[in-house]
Amino acid sequence: MESMASAIGVSVAVLRFLLCFVVTIPVSFFHRFVPGGPTARHLYAAATGAILSYMSFGFSSNLHFLVPMLLGYASMALCRKYCGIITFFMAFGYLIGCHVYYMSGDAWKEGGIDATACILKSAIAQSYIRHNSVSHSQFDENLSECSRLLSLLRKSLCRSVYEMKDYLDWTERKGIWQDTKTGLSPSPYWATFRALFQAAICMGLYLYLVPHYPLSRFTEPVYQEYGFWKRLSYQYMSGFTARWKYYFIWSISEASIIISGLGFSGWSDSNPRKPRWDHAKNVDILGVELAKSSVQIPLVWNIQVSTWLRHYVYERLIQKGKKPGFFQLLATQTVSAVWHGLYPGYIIFFVQSAIMIAGSRGIKPARNTNCIWKRLLHRTIIPVAVILLAKSSSQQGQPDQKLGKMSEI
């Protein structure tokens, strides 16, 4: 396993996690044929999720999962009025403690902290649903059923983000997942094949590009010898290369959710109608690579997490009767930074991304104007000016480097 891990440039812990992640595809496939009704399907989902989680992280790391789940249940049972806020801050407090203890990186996989972060989203979402529920007795009735407890366990063990109602309807074959005379409709196999084919292409491109553009090059002396344009091109290509790793893992996740049937989100309006699988989609590769502005990136990158942040952070900070502003955006990106980890790089990136998105919102009207001079200014002159400014800044250090070499001689 060590040789395989080194071949693709990851640790053994990450490789073990990836292999278990791939195994979710056949596990999701067999879920379609579990006999015994909804309760049996809940048991199958919870058991397989627990086994795969144990194989990925080990027993002690799985204990982390119980904390946000128990915090969510306790707040829902004891303080319905504020359960959403209580779960949010207490679960995030626990996650921050885990970040400090494991210090992010590959220890996330060994400690199961990235999975704990995913569970946190589910616990907070369910607590806010409880907080907003109109009928107290209706929720208590659902909460008291054993199958609902198992469904929340499975929902917490799943890395994708979806609402409890969708999970229950899918497990109980209700709504758009209702059985027909010919069985489950529509067939997920073609969509699953497309997702797997996309995953294969993504991994192939990543394995081809990563030896030429490794991220480790930035800390090597040879990178310091590059000129401005070579540094700029290398920065772009290294980022381009790294993205295909994420495209691969999200494509595998998409295939797993599609083949289970949970990814189905209804039918298109076209004639003939075609099935849509929006519940499974987590990235639009062309949308990311060909995005026209920073505003479009959250809509096509890590879609499920972006949706969760919009519903449970961004929209809940908007005051009634007022429009959202920069504060809501900055707070949302800061929460996203803490959710990812406590490294300064995460904080700096997500905070500046809020500025970048806000700036794109302001620039977009000017870029779409009919005035040719304004369009030329925002699409050509300003980007060129920024590049030239960066180039001049990088060249300021070159004389010092030459003087340093002369002094050594």
Foldseek 3Di string as FASTA:
>chain_A
DQVVCVLLVHHPLVVQLLVLLLVLQVLLLCLQVQDDALLSSLVSLLVSLVVSLCSNANDVLCVLLVVLQVLLVVLLVPPLQCSLVSSLVVLLVSLQVVQVVQVDDSSCRNNVSLLSLQLSLLSNLVSVCSNPDPDVVVVVVLVPDPSSVSLNSSQSSQNFDDDSVLSSCCSRCHDQQNADPVGTPDQLVVVLVVLQVQLVVLSVLLSVQCVVQPPCVVVDVVLVVDALVVNVVSVVSNVVSVVSVVSNSLSSQLSSCSSSVSQWDDWDPDVVIDTDRNSSAQADVCCCVVPPFLLSNCCGHRVRVSVSLVVSQLVVPDDPPDDGDLVSQQRSLCVVLSSNHDDVVSNVVSNVSSVRNNVRVVLVVQCPDPDPVSVCCSPPVVVVVVSVVVNVVSVVCVVVVVVVVVVVD
